[in-house]
Amino acid sequence: MNIQHKCRTGLVAALATLALGGGGLAQAADSHLLLHAGIGYLVSDAKSDGPLDLDVGDQPALEMDATYFVTPAIGVNLLAAFVTPEVKSAGASLGSIGLVPPMLVGQFHFGSAGSPIRPYLGAGINYNLFHDKTGSLDSLRVKVDDSIGLVGQVGANMNLSRGLTLNADVRYLKFDSDVTVGANQALNDKLKYQGFLINLGLGFWL
């Protein structure tokens, strides 16, 4: 079972929990942990400064995240998103690559804990984990190194009935990763990535 399949299974289970377990959920004003699961879309703007002329395609995403509120206004958020974008070289497709970019973000939430809508801002870091290459990425032994990047975030939570929430947010991602081709690393390049991850999710308070 690959990472993408595990993600789909986990997302379905999380949404089922929301649907069936909402009646016993705590209200937002009395809770410190907020869990979300949802769908997203990764809008990519990538380039490379070497001979491969790399580009990364846009891609739907699955995401799950948790926010722990240290105070009513300050939260620490951990998100895992799962995408398999297409990679191109000089406009030609090289196949796809799995990307899991867990993100750790500090957030400031406006309004009080019981407010119907709470906008927030966040900033933090992410770790970009690449896996499961297909097509020429696999056959040519293209390696994309894992890397650390920066994250900026703007979003809002809408408190619904029975402890449920609706969340929408946009995250800006920026990172660089070294790329090599072949067993002997005959070609070297650097992928310079920036993009936006747009998310919509359903959540509940614990």
N, C-alpha and C. Protein backbone atom coordinates (compact mmCIF):
# COMPACT_ATOMS: atom_id res chain seq x y z
N MET A 1 0.85 -1.19 0.00
CA MET A 1 0.00 0.00 0.00
C MET A 1 0.89 1.24 0.00
N ASN A 2 0.78 2.13 -1.04
CA ASN A 2 1.66 3.28 -1.11
C ASN A 2 1.14 4.43 -0.26
N ILE A 3 1.96 5.48 -0.17
CA ILE A 3 1.62 6.61 0.70
C ILE A 3 0.33 7.27 0.26
N GLN A 4 0.13 7.42 -1.06
CA GLN A 4 -1.07 8.09 -1.56
C GLN A 4 -2.32 7.32 -1.16
N HIS A 5 -2.29 5.97 -1.26
CA HIS A 5 -3.45 5.17 -0.90
C HIS A 5 -3.73 5.26 0.60
N LYS A 6 -2.67 5.23 1.40
CA LYS A 6 -2.85 5.37 2.84
C LYS A 6 -3.49 6.71 3.18
N CYS A 7 -3.08 7.74 2.45
CA CYS A 7 -3.65 9.07 2.68
C CYS A 7 -5.14 9.09 2.40
N ARG A 8 -5.55 8.50 1.25
CA ARG A 8 -6.97 8.47 0.92
C ARG A 8 -7.76 7.73 1.99
N THR A 9 -7.22 6.60 2.46
CA THR A 9 -7.90 5.83 3.50
C THR A 9 -8.04 6.64 4.78
N GLY A 10 -6.97 7.34 5.16
CA GLY A 10 -7.02 8.15 6.37
C GLY A 10 -7.98 9.31 6.25
N LEU A 11 -8.04 9.93 5.07
CA LEU A 11 -8.95 11.05 4.86
C LEU A 11 -10.39 10.60 4.94
N VAL A 12 -10.72 9.47 4.32
CA VAL A 12 -12.08 8.94 4.39
C VAL A 12 -12.47 8.64 5.83
N ALA A 13 -11.55 8.04 6.58
CA ALA A 13 -11.83 7.73 7.98
C ALA A 13 -12.06 9.00 8.79
N ALA A 14 -11.26 10.03 8.52
CA ALA A 14 -11.42 11.27 9.26
C ALA A 14 -12.76 11.93 8.97
N LEU A 15 -13.16 11.95 7.69
CA LEU A 15 -14.44 12.55 7.34
C LEU A 15 -15.60 11.74 7.90
N ALA A 16 -15.46 10.41 7.96
CA ALA A 16 -16.50 9.58 8.57
C ALA A 16 -16.64 9.90 10.05
N THR A 17 -15.52 10.13 10.72
CA THR A 17 -15.56 10.49 12.13
C THR A 17 -16.31 11.80 12.32
N LEU A 18 -16.07 12.76 11.42
CA LEU A 18 -16.78 14.03 11.50
C LEU A 18 -18.28 13.84 11.35
N ALA A 19 -18.66 13.02 10.39
CA ALA A 19 -20.08 12.83 10.10
C ALA A 19 -20.80 12.10 11.21
N LEU A 20 -20.16 11.11 11.83
CA LEU A 20 -20.82 10.25 12.80
C LEU A 20 -20.63 10.69 14.24
N GLY A 21 -19.55 11.42 14.49
CA GLY A 21 -19.23 11.71 15.88
C GLY A 21 -19.45 13.14 16.30
N GLY A 22 -20.08 13.96 15.48
CA GLY A 22 -20.21 15.37 15.79
C GLY A 22 -21.00 15.66 17.03
N GLY A 23 -21.95 14.79 17.42
CA GLY A 23 -22.83 15.09 18.53
C GLY A 23 -22.12 15.22 19.85
N GLY A 24 -20.99 14.52 20.04
CA GLY A 24 -20.31 14.56 21.31
C GLY A 24 -19.11 15.47 21.33
N LEU A 25 -18.96 16.34 20.34
CA LEU A 25 -17.77 17.17 20.25
C LEU A 25 -17.89 18.40 21.13
N ALA A 26 -16.73 18.82 21.67
CA ALA A 26 -16.71 19.99 22.53
C ALA A 26 -16.88 21.25 21.70
N GLN A 27 -17.35 22.31 22.36
CA GLN A 27 -17.49 23.59 21.70
C GLN A 27 -16.13 24.27 21.60
N ALA A 28 -15.99 25.13 20.60
CA ALA A 28 -14.70 25.75 20.32
C ALA A 28 -14.15 26.52 21.51
N ALA A 29 -15.01 27.22 22.26
CA ALA A 29 -14.55 28.06 23.35
C ALA A 29 -13.93 27.24 24.48
N ASP A 30 -14.24 25.96 24.60
CA ASP A 30 -13.75 25.11 25.69
C ASP A 30 -12.67 24.15 25.22
N SER A 31 -12.19 24.27 23.99
CA SER A 31 -11.29 23.27 23.41
C SER A 31 -9.95 23.89 23.05
N HIS A 32 -8.93 23.02 22.95
CA HIS A 32 -7.59 23.48 22.60
C HIS A 32 -7.05 22.84 21.33
N LEU A 33 -7.63 21.73 20.89
CA LEU A 33 -7.12 21.01 19.73
C LEU A 33 -8.17 20.98 18.63
N LEU A 34 -7.78 21.46 17.44
CA LEU A 34 -8.67 21.51 16.28
C LEU A 34 -8.09 20.64 15.18
N LEU A 35 -8.87 19.66 14.70
CA LEU A 35 -8.44 18.75 13.64
C LEU A 35 -9.21 19.04 12.36
N HIS A 36 -8.51 18.98 11.23
CA HIS A 36 -9.13 19.19 9.92
C HIS A 36 -8.71 18.09 8.95
N ALA A 37 -9.58 17.79 8.01
CA ALA A 37 -9.26 16.96 6.85
C ALA A 37 -9.97 17.57 5.66
N GLY A 38 -9.31 17.57 4.50
CA GLY A 38 -9.96 18.19 3.36
C GLY A 38 -9.22 17.97 2.06
N ILE A 39 -9.57 18.78 1.09
CA ILE A 39 -8.98 18.71 -0.24
C ILE A 39 -8.29 20.04 -0.54
N GLY A 40 -7.35 19.99 -1.44
CA GLY A 40 -6.63 21.21 -1.80
C GLY A 40 -6.22 21.19 -3.26
N TYR A 41 -5.57 22.26 -3.65
CA TYR A 41 -5.04 22.36 -5.01
C TYR A 41 -3.70 23.08 -4.94
N LEU A 42 -2.67 22.44 -5.48
CA LEU A 42 -1.33 23.00 -5.48
C LEU A 42 -1.07 23.72 -6.80
N VAL A 43 -0.84 25.02 -6.72
CA VAL A 43 -0.53 25.83 -7.89
C VAL A 43 0.97 26.11 -7.86
N SER A 44 1.69 25.59 -8.85
CA SER A 44 3.15 25.58 -8.82
C SER A 44 3.75 26.60 -9.77
N ASP A 45 4.86 27.19 -9.34
CA ASP A 45 5.70 28.03 -10.19
C ASP A 45 7.14 27.62 -9.91
N ALA A 46 7.69 26.76 -10.76
CA ALA A 46 9.01 26.19 -10.51
C ALA A 46 9.92 26.42 -11.71
N LYS A 47 11.21 26.48 -11.42
CA LYS A 47 12.21 26.60 -12.48
C LYS A 47 13.50 25.98 -11.96
N SER A 48 14.46 25.82 -12.86
CA SER A 48 15.78 25.34 -12.45
C SER A 48 16.84 26.20 -13.11
N ASP A 49 18.01 26.26 -12.47
CA ASP A 49 19.08 27.10 -13.01
C ASP A 49 20.16 26.30 -13.71
N GLY A 50 19.85 25.04 -14.06
CA GLY A 50 20.82 24.18 -14.74
C GLY A 50 20.32 23.69 -16.08
N PRO A 51 20.90 22.61 -16.61
CA PRO A 51 20.61 22.16 -17.97
C PRO A 51 19.26 21.47 -18.16
N LEU A 52 18.58 21.09 -17.07
CA LEU A 52 17.36 20.30 -17.22
C LEU A 52 16.12 21.14 -17.52
N ASP A 53 16.16 22.45 -17.24
CA ASP A 53 15.01 23.33 -17.50
C ASP A 53 13.73 22.73 -16.93
N LEU A 54 13.70 22.52 -15.62
CA LEU A 54 12.61 21.80 -14.96
C LEU A 54 11.39 22.67 -14.73
N ASP A 55 10.24 22.03 -14.72
CA ASP A 55 8.98 22.67 -14.38
C ASP A 55 8.13 21.65 -13.63
N VAL A 56 7.24 22.13 -12.75
CA VAL A 56 6.37 21.27 -11.95
C VAL A 56 4.93 21.68 -12.20
N GLY A 57 4.05 20.70 -12.49
CA GLY A 57 2.67 20.99 -12.82
C GLY A 57 1.80 21.22 -11.60
N ASP A 58 0.64 21.85 -11.83
CA ASP A 58 -0.37 22.01 -10.79
C ASP A 58 -0.99 20.65 -10.49
N GLN A 59 -1.56 20.49 -9.28
CA GLN A 59 -2.02 19.16 -8.87
C GLN A 59 -3.01 19.25 -7.73
N PRO A 60 -4.14 18.48 -7.80
CA PRO A 60 -5.02 18.36 -6.62
C PRO A 60 -4.27 17.71 -5.47
N ALA A 61 -4.74 17.96 -4.26
CA ALA A 61 -4.06 17.45 -3.07
C ALA A 61 -5.07 16.98 -2.04
N LEU A 62 -4.62 16.08 -1.18
CA LEU A 62 -5.35 15.69 0.02
C LEU A 62 -4.57 16.22 1.21
N GLU A 63 -5.27 16.69 2.24
CA GLU A 63 -4.57 17.25 3.39
C GLU A 63 -5.27 16.92 4.69
N MET A 64 -4.45 16.77 5.73
CA MET A 64 -4.92 16.61 7.10
C MET A 64 -4.06 17.49 8.00
N ASP A 65 -4.67 18.16 8.97
CA ASP A 65 -3.87 19.01 9.84
C ASP A 65 -4.48 19.10 11.23
N ALA A 66 -3.65 19.51 12.17
CA ALA A 66 -4.06 19.68 13.57
C ALA A 66 -3.48 20.98 14.09
N THR A 67 -4.30 21.73 14.83
CA THR A 67 -3.86 22.98 15.45
C THR A 67 -4.06 22.89 16.95
N TYR A 68 -2.98 23.11 17.70
CA TYR A 68 -3.08 23.17 19.16
C TYR A 68 -3.00 24.63 19.58
N PHE A 69 -4.01 25.07 20.34
CA PHE A 69 -4.08 26.46 20.78
C PHE A 69 -3.37 26.61 22.12
N VAL A 70 -2.20 27.25 22.08
CA VAL A 70 -1.43 27.52 23.29
C VAL A 70 -2.16 28.55 24.14
N THR A 71 -2.72 29.55 23.49
CA THR A 71 -3.61 30.54 24.09
C THR A 71 -4.82 30.65 23.16
N PRO A 72 -5.88 31.38 23.54
CA PRO A 72 -7.01 31.53 22.63
C PRO A 72 -6.64 32.15 21.28
N ALA A 73 -5.54 32.91 21.22
CA ALA A 73 -5.17 33.58 19.98
C ALA A 73 -4.00 32.93 19.25
N ILE A 74 -3.17 32.17 19.94
CA ILE A 74 -1.94 31.63 19.35
C ILE A 74 -2.05 30.12 19.20
N GLY A 75 -1.85 29.65 17.97
CA GLY A 75 -1.93 28.22 17.69
C GLY A 75 -0.68 27.71 17.01
N VAL A 76 -0.41 26.42 17.19
CA VAL A 76 0.68 25.74 16.49
C VAL A 76 0.04 24.68 15.59
N ASN A 77 0.27 24.79 14.30
CA ASN A 77 -0.40 23.94 13.31
C ASN A 77 0.60 23.00 12.63
N LEU A 78 0.21 21.73 12.50
CA LEU A 78 0.99 20.73 11.77
C LEU A 78 0.12 20.16 10.67
N LEU A 79 0.57 20.28 9.42
CA LEU A 79 -0.21 19.81 8.26
C LEU A 79 0.60 18.81 7.46
N ALA A 80 -0.11 17.78 6.96
CA ALA A 80 0.46 16.84 6.00
C ALA A 80 -0.40 16.88 4.74
N ALA A 81 0.23 17.17 3.61
CA ALA A 81 -0.46 17.17 2.32
C ALA A 81 0.19 16.12 1.42
N PHE A 82 -0.59 15.58 0.48
CA PHE A 82 -0.12 14.49 -0.37
C PHE A 82 -0.44 14.83 -1.82
N VAL A 83 0.61 15.00 -2.63
CA VAL A 83 0.43 15.36 -4.04
C VAL A 83 1.38 14.53 -4.90
N THR A 84 1.03 14.39 -6.18
CA THR A 84 1.89 13.69 -7.16
C THR A 84 1.97 14.53 -8.43
N PRO A 85 2.66 15.66 -8.41
CA PRO A 85 2.69 16.54 -9.57
C PRO A 85 3.52 15.97 -10.72
N GLU A 86 3.18 16.41 -11.93
CA GLU A 86 3.97 16.08 -13.11
C GLU A 86 5.21 16.96 -13.17
N VAL A 87 6.32 16.37 -13.58
CA VAL A 87 7.58 17.11 -13.74
C VAL A 87 7.94 17.13 -15.22
N LYS A 88 8.33 18.31 -15.72
CA LYS A 88 8.72 18.45 -17.12
C LYS A 88 10.14 18.97 -17.23
N SER A 89 10.79 18.60 -18.34
CA SER A 89 12.11 19.12 -18.68
C SER A 89 12.03 19.70 -20.08
N ALA A 90 12.27 21.01 -20.19
CA ALA A 90 12.18 21.70 -21.49
C ALA A 90 10.83 21.45 -22.16
N GLY A 91 9.76 21.38 -21.36
CA GLY A 91 8.42 21.19 -21.87
C GLY A 91 7.98 19.76 -22.07
N ALA A 92 8.90 18.80 -21.99
CA ALA A 92 8.57 17.39 -22.18
C ALA A 92 8.36 16.71 -20.83
N SER A 93 7.32 15.89 -20.74
CA SER A 93 7.00 15.24 -19.48
C SER A 93 8.04 14.19 -19.11
N LEU A 94 8.45 14.21 -17.84
CA LEU A 94 9.35 13.19 -17.31
C LEU A 94 8.62 12.19 -16.43
N GLY A 95 7.32 12.37 -16.24
CA GLY A 95 6.56 11.53 -15.32
C GLY A 95 6.13 12.33 -14.10
N SER A 96 5.75 11.63 -13.06
CA SER A 96 5.28 12.29 -11.84
C SER A 96 6.12 11.84 -10.65
N ILE A 97 6.04 12.63 -9.59
CA ILE A 97 6.77 12.32 -8.37
C ILE A 97 5.88 12.63 -7.17
N GLY A 98 5.88 11.74 -6.19
CA GLY A 98 5.12 11.98 -4.98
C GLY A 98 5.83 12.99 -4.09
N LEU A 99 5.05 13.87 -3.50
CA LEU A 99 5.60 14.89 -2.60
C LEU A 99 4.75 14.96 -1.35
N VAL A 100 5.40 14.78 -0.21
CA VAL A 100 4.75 14.97 1.09
C VAL A 100 5.47 16.12 1.79
N PRO A 101 4.83 17.29 1.85
CA PRO A 101 5.50 18.43 2.49
C PRO A 101 4.90 18.76 3.86
N PRO A 102 5.23 18.01 4.93
CA PRO A 102 4.69 18.36 6.24
C PRO A 102 5.09 19.79 6.61
N MET A 103 4.15 20.53 7.18
CA MET A 103 4.37 21.94 7.48
C MET A 103 4.10 22.21 8.96
N LEU A 104 5.00 22.93 9.60
CA LEU A 104 4.85 23.35 10.99
C LEU A 104 4.76 24.87 10.99
N VAL A 105 3.62 25.37 11.46
CA VAL A 105 3.32 26.80 11.33
C VAL A 105 2.83 27.35 12.66
N GLY A 106 3.32 28.52 13.03
CA GLY A 106 2.76 29.28 14.14
C GLY A 106 1.68 30.21 13.62
N GLN A 107 0.54 30.28 14.31
CA GLN A 107 -0.60 31.05 13.83
C GLN A 107 -1.06 32.07 14.87
N PHE A 108 -1.56 33.21 14.37
CA PHE A 108 -2.25 34.18 15.23
C PHE A 108 -3.69 34.27 14.75
N HIS A 109 -4.64 33.98 15.64
CA HIS A 109 -6.06 33.97 15.32
C HIS A 109 -6.73 35.23 15.87
N PHE A 110 -7.48 35.90 15.02
CA PHE A 110 -8.17 37.11 15.41
C PHE A 110 -9.54 36.76 16.00
N GLY A 111 -10.08 37.64 16.85
CA GLY A 111 -11.38 37.39 17.46
C GLY A 111 -11.26 36.50 18.69
N SER A 112 -12.41 36.23 19.32
CA SER A 112 -12.44 35.39 20.52
C SER A 112 -12.67 33.94 20.14
N ALA A 113 -12.45 33.03 21.13
CA ALA A 113 -12.55 31.60 20.86
C ALA A 113 -13.93 31.18 20.38
N GLY A 114 -14.98 31.86 20.82
CA GLY A 114 -16.33 31.49 20.43
C GLY A 114 -16.88 32.25 19.24
N SER A 115 -16.04 33.05 18.56
CA SER A 115 -16.52 33.84 17.43
C SER A 115 -16.96 32.94 16.28
N PRO A 116 -18.02 33.33 15.55
CA PRO A 116 -18.48 32.50 14.43
C PRO A 116 -17.41 32.30 13.35
N ILE A 117 -16.66 33.36 13.06
CA ILE A 117 -15.60 33.28 12.05
C ILE A 117 -14.32 33.85 12.65
N ARG A 118 -13.22 33.10 12.51
CA ARG A 118 -11.93 33.55 13.04
C ARG A 118 -10.86 33.51 11.95
N PRO A 119 -10.52 34.66 11.38
CA PRO A 119 -9.41 34.70 10.43
C PRO A 119 -8.08 34.55 11.17
N TYR A 120 -7.06 34.12 10.44
CA TYR A 120 -5.75 33.95 11.07
C TYR A 120 -4.63 34.11 10.04
N LEU A 121 -3.44 34.39 10.57
CA LEU A 121 -2.22 34.46 9.79
C LEU A 121 -1.21 33.49 10.37
N GLY A 122 -0.35 32.93 9.52
CA GLY A 122 0.64 31.98 10.00
C GLY A 122 1.94 32.05 9.22
N ALA A 123 3.01 31.59 9.85
CA ALA A 123 4.31 31.50 9.20
C ALA A 123 5.09 30.35 9.82
N GLY A 124 5.90 29.67 9.01
CA GLY A 124 6.66 28.54 9.55
C GLY A 124 7.55 27.91 8.50
N ILE A 125 7.80 26.61 8.68
CA ILE A 125 8.70 25.86 7.81
C ILE A 125 8.03 24.58 7.33
N ASN A 126 8.58 24.00 6.27
CA ASN A 126 8.11 22.68 5.83
C ASN A 126 9.30 21.83 5.41
N TYR A 127 9.09 20.52 5.46
CA TYR A 127 10.10 19.56 5.01
C TYR A 127 9.54 18.85 3.79
N ASN A 128 10.26 18.91 2.68
CA ASN A 128 9.77 18.35 1.42
C ASN A 128 10.35 16.96 1.20
N LEU A 129 9.48 15.96 1.27
CA LEU A 129 9.87 14.56 1.15
C LEU A 129 9.38 14.02 -0.19
N PHE A 130 10.31 13.65 -1.07
CA PHE A 130 9.98 13.17 -2.41
C PHE A 130 10.03 11.64 -2.45
N HIS A 131 9.09 11.03 -3.20
CA HIS A 131 8.99 9.56 -3.23
C HIS A 131 8.26 9.12 -4.49
N ASP A 132 8.26 7.82 -4.78
CA ASP A 132 7.43 7.18 -5.81
C ASP A 132 7.48 7.88 -7.17
N LYS A 133 8.63 7.84 -7.82
CA LYS A 133 8.78 8.43 -9.15
C LYS A 133 8.19 7.51 -10.21
N THR A 134 7.65 8.09 -11.29
CA THR A 134 7.14 7.32 -12.42
C THR A 134 7.78 7.83 -13.71
N GLY A 135 7.62 7.05 -14.80
CA GLY A 135 8.09 7.47 -16.11
C GLY A 135 9.61 7.62 -16.17
N SER A 136 10.06 8.62 -16.91
CA SER A 136 11.50 8.83 -17.09
C SER A 136 12.19 9.22 -15.79
N LEU A 137 11.45 9.81 -14.87
CA LEU A 137 12.05 10.13 -13.57
C LEU A 137 12.61 8.87 -12.90
N ASP A 138 11.90 7.77 -13.11
CA ASP A 138 12.33 6.49 -12.53
C ASP A 138 13.40 5.82 -13.40
N SER A 139 13.13 5.71 -14.71
CA SER A 139 14.05 4.97 -15.59
C SER A 139 15.40 5.67 -15.73
N LEU A 140 15.43 6.99 -15.66
CA LEU A 140 16.69 7.73 -15.78
C LEU A 140 17.36 7.95 -14.42
N ARG A 141 16.74 7.40 -13.39
CA ARG A 141 17.28 7.52 -12.03
C ARG A 141 17.46 8.99 -11.62
N VAL A 142 16.40 9.74 -11.83
CA VAL A 142 16.41 11.13 -11.39
C VAL A 142 16.17 11.18 -9.88
N LYS A 143 17.02 11.86 -9.17
CA LYS A 143 16.88 12.00 -7.73
C LYS A 143 16.65 13.46 -7.37
N VAL A 144 15.57 13.69 -6.61
CA VAL A 144 15.29 15.03 -6.09
C VAL A 144 15.51 14.98 -4.58
N ASP A 145 16.46 15.74 -4.10
CA ASP A 145 16.80 15.69 -2.68
C ASP A 145 15.70 16.31 -1.83
N ASP A 146 15.45 15.69 -0.68
CA ASP A 146 14.55 16.29 0.30
C ASP A 146 15.14 17.63 0.76
N SER A 147 14.26 18.54 1.17
CA SER A 147 14.74 19.88 1.53
C SER A 147 13.79 20.54 2.52
N ILE A 148 14.26 21.62 3.10
CA ILE A 148 13.48 22.43 4.03
C ILE A 148 13.12 23.74 3.35
N GLY A 149 11.86 24.18 3.53
CA GLY A 149 11.41 25.42 2.92
C GLY A 149 10.65 26.30 3.89
N LEU A 150 10.16 27.43 3.38
CA LEU A 150 9.43 28.41 4.16
C LEU A 150 7.96 28.38 3.79
N VAL A 151 7.10 28.70 4.76
CA VAL A 151 5.65 28.69 4.56
C VAL A 151 5.05 29.99 5.12
N GLY A 152 4.16 30.60 4.36
CA GLY A 152 3.32 31.68 4.84
C GLY A 152 1.86 31.29 4.65
N GLN A 153 0.97 31.73 5.53
CA GLN A 153 -0.40 31.24 5.52
C GLN A 153 -1.38 32.35 5.86
N VAL A 154 -2.54 32.32 5.19
CA VAL A 154 -3.68 33.15 5.56
C VAL A 154 -4.92 32.28 5.44
N GLY A 155 -5.82 32.37 6.41
CA GLY A 155 -7.00 31.51 6.38
C GLY A 155 -8.06 31.96 7.36
N ALA A 156 -9.11 31.15 7.47
CA ALA A 156 -10.21 31.45 8.39
C ALA A 156 -10.92 30.15 8.77
N ASN A 157 -11.35 30.09 10.02
CA ASN A 157 -12.20 29.00 10.51
C ASN A 157 -13.60 29.53 10.76
N MET A 158 -14.60 28.81 10.29
CA MET A 158 -15.99 29.13 10.58
C MET A 158 -16.54 28.07 11.52
N ASN A 159 -16.93 28.48 12.73
CA ASN A 159 -17.50 27.54 13.70
C ASN A 159 -18.94 27.22 13.32
N LEU A 160 -19.21 25.94 13.10
CA LEU A 160 -20.55 25.47 12.77
C LEU A 160 -21.20 24.91 14.02
N SER A 161 -22.33 24.27 13.88
CA SER A 161 -23.02 23.68 15.02
C SER A 161 -22.34 22.38 15.45
N ARG A 162 -22.57 21.98 16.70
CA ARG A 162 -22.12 20.69 17.25
C ARG A 162 -20.60 20.54 17.20
N GLY A 163 -19.88 21.65 17.34
CA GLY A 163 -18.44 21.59 17.43
C GLY A 163 -17.71 21.43 16.11
N LEU A 164 -18.41 21.43 15.00
CA LEU A 164 -17.77 21.30 13.69
C LEU A 164 -17.28 22.66 13.19
N THR A 165 -16.28 22.64 12.32
CA THR A 165 -15.77 23.86 11.71
C THR A 165 -15.57 23.67 10.22
N LEU A 166 -15.66 24.77 9.49
CA LEU A 166 -15.31 24.81 8.08
C LEU A 166 -14.07 25.68 7.96
N ASN A 167 -13.05 25.17 7.30
CA ASN A 167 -11.78 25.88 7.21
C ASN A 167 -11.40 26.12 5.76
N ALA A 168 -10.89 27.31 5.48
CA ALA A 168 -10.32 27.62 4.17
C ALA A 168 -9.01 28.35 4.41
N ASP A 169 -7.97 27.97 3.68
CA ASP A 169 -6.70 28.66 3.84
C ASP A 169 -5.87 28.55 2.57
N VAL A 170 -4.92 29.47 2.45
CA VAL A 170 -3.95 29.48 1.36
C VAL A 170 -2.57 29.53 1.98
N ARG A 171 -1.69 28.64 1.54
CA ARG A 171 -0.31 28.59 2.03
C ARG A 171 0.65 28.84 0.88
N TYR A 172 1.59 29.74 1.13
CA TYR A 172 2.66 30.02 0.17
C TYR A 172 3.87 29.18 0.54
N LEU A 173 4.41 28.44 -0.43
CA LEU A 173 5.55 27.55 -0.20
C LEU A 173 6.74 28.01 -1.04
N LYS A 174 7.93 27.91 -0.45
CA LYS A 174 9.15 28.26 -1.19
C LYS A 174 10.27 27.35 -0.70
N PHE A 175 10.92 26.65 -1.66
CA PHE A 175 12.06 25.81 -1.29
C PHE A 175 12.94 25.56 -2.52
N ASP A 176 14.17 25.15 -2.27
CA ASP A 176 15.11 24.72 -3.31
C ASP A 176 15.51 23.27 -3.04
N SER A 177 15.61 22.46 -4.09
CA SER A 177 16.04 21.07 -3.96
C SER A 177 17.05 20.73 -5.05
N ASP A 178 18.13 20.05 -4.67
CA ASP A 178 19.11 19.59 -5.64
C ASP A 178 18.56 18.40 -6.43
N VAL A 179 18.85 18.37 -7.73
CA VAL A 179 18.39 17.30 -8.63
C VAL A 179 19.60 16.70 -9.34
N THR A 180 19.67 15.37 -9.37
CA THR A 180 20.73 14.68 -10.10
C THR A 180 20.10 13.63 -11.01
N VAL A 181 20.81 13.30 -12.11
CA VAL A 181 20.33 12.32 -13.08
C VAL A 181 21.40 11.25 -13.26
N GLY A 182 20.94 9.97 -13.22
CA GLY A 182 21.84 8.85 -13.46
C GLY A 182 22.50 8.32 -12.21
N ALA A 183 22.92 7.06 -12.29
CA ALA A 183 23.55 6.43 -11.14
C ALA A 183 24.84 7.14 -10.75
N ASN A 184 25.53 7.72 -11.74
CA ASN A 184 26.78 8.43 -11.47
C ASN A 184 26.58 9.93 -11.32
N GLN A 185 25.31 10.36 -11.24
CA GLN A 185 24.98 11.78 -11.09
C GLN A 185 25.64 12.62 -12.19
N ALA A 186 25.44 12.15 -13.44
CA ALA A 186 26.10 12.79 -14.58
C ALA A 186 25.60 14.21 -14.81
N LEU A 187 24.33 14.47 -14.50
CA LEU A 187 23.76 15.81 -14.64
C LEU A 187 23.31 16.30 -13.27
N ASN A 188 23.53 17.60 -13.05
CA ASN A 188 23.13 18.22 -11.80
C ASN A 188 22.32 19.47 -12.08
N ASP A 189 21.33 19.71 -11.25
CA ASP A 189 20.49 20.90 -11.40
C ASP A 189 19.94 21.26 -10.03
N LYS A 190 19.31 22.41 -9.94
CA LYS A 190 18.66 22.82 -8.70
C LYS A 190 17.24 23.27 -9.02
N LEU A 191 16.26 22.62 -8.41
CA LEU A 191 14.86 22.98 -8.57
C LEU A 191 14.53 24.12 -7.61
N LYS A 192 14.09 25.23 -8.16
CA LYS A 192 13.69 26.39 -7.36
C LYS A 192 12.17 26.48 -7.42
N TYR A 193 11.54 26.19 -6.29
CA TYR A 193 10.08 26.05 -6.28
C TYR A 193 9.43 27.13 -5.42
N GLN A 194 8.34 27.65 -5.94
CA GLN A 194 7.41 28.43 -5.13
C GLN A 194 6.01 28.13 -5.64
N GLY A 195 5.04 28.18 -4.75
CA GLY A 195 3.68 27.84 -5.14
C GLY A 195 2.70 28.13 -4.03
N PHE A 196 1.43 27.89 -4.33
CA PHE A 196 0.35 28.12 -3.37
C PHE A 196 -0.44 26.82 -3.20
N LEU A 197 -0.66 26.44 -1.96
CA LEU A 197 -1.53 25.31 -1.64
C LEU A 197 -2.83 25.87 -1.09
N ILE A 198 -3.91 25.67 -1.85
CA ILE A 198 -5.23 26.20 -1.50
C ILE A 198 -6.06 25.06 -0.93
N ASN A 199 -6.55 25.21 0.30
CA ASN A 199 -7.22 24.12 1.01
C ASN A 199 -8.64 24.50 1.43
N LEU A 200 -9.51 23.50 1.42
CA LEU A 200 -10.85 23.61 1.99
C LEU A 200 -11.12 22.34 2.78
N GLY A 201 -11.44 22.48 4.07
CA GLY A 201 -11.58 21.30 4.90
C GLY A 201 -12.68 21.41 5.93
N LEU A 202 -13.07 20.26 6.46
CA LEU A 202 -14.04 20.15 7.54
C LEU A 202 -13.30 19.69 8.78
N GLY A 203 -13.64 20.27 9.92
CA GLY A 203 -12.90 19.94 11.13
C GLY A 203 -13.78 19.80 12.35
N PHE A 204 -13.15 19.41 13.46
CA PHE A 204 -13.87 19.32 14.72
C PHE A 204 -12.91 19.61 15.87
N TRP A 205 -13.48 20.07 16.97
CA TRP A 205 -12.73 20.40 18.18
C TRP A 205 -12.65 19.20 19.11
N LEU A 206 -11.50 19.03 19.75
CA LEU A 206 -11.33 18.02 20.78
C LEU A 206 -11.08 18.70 22.13
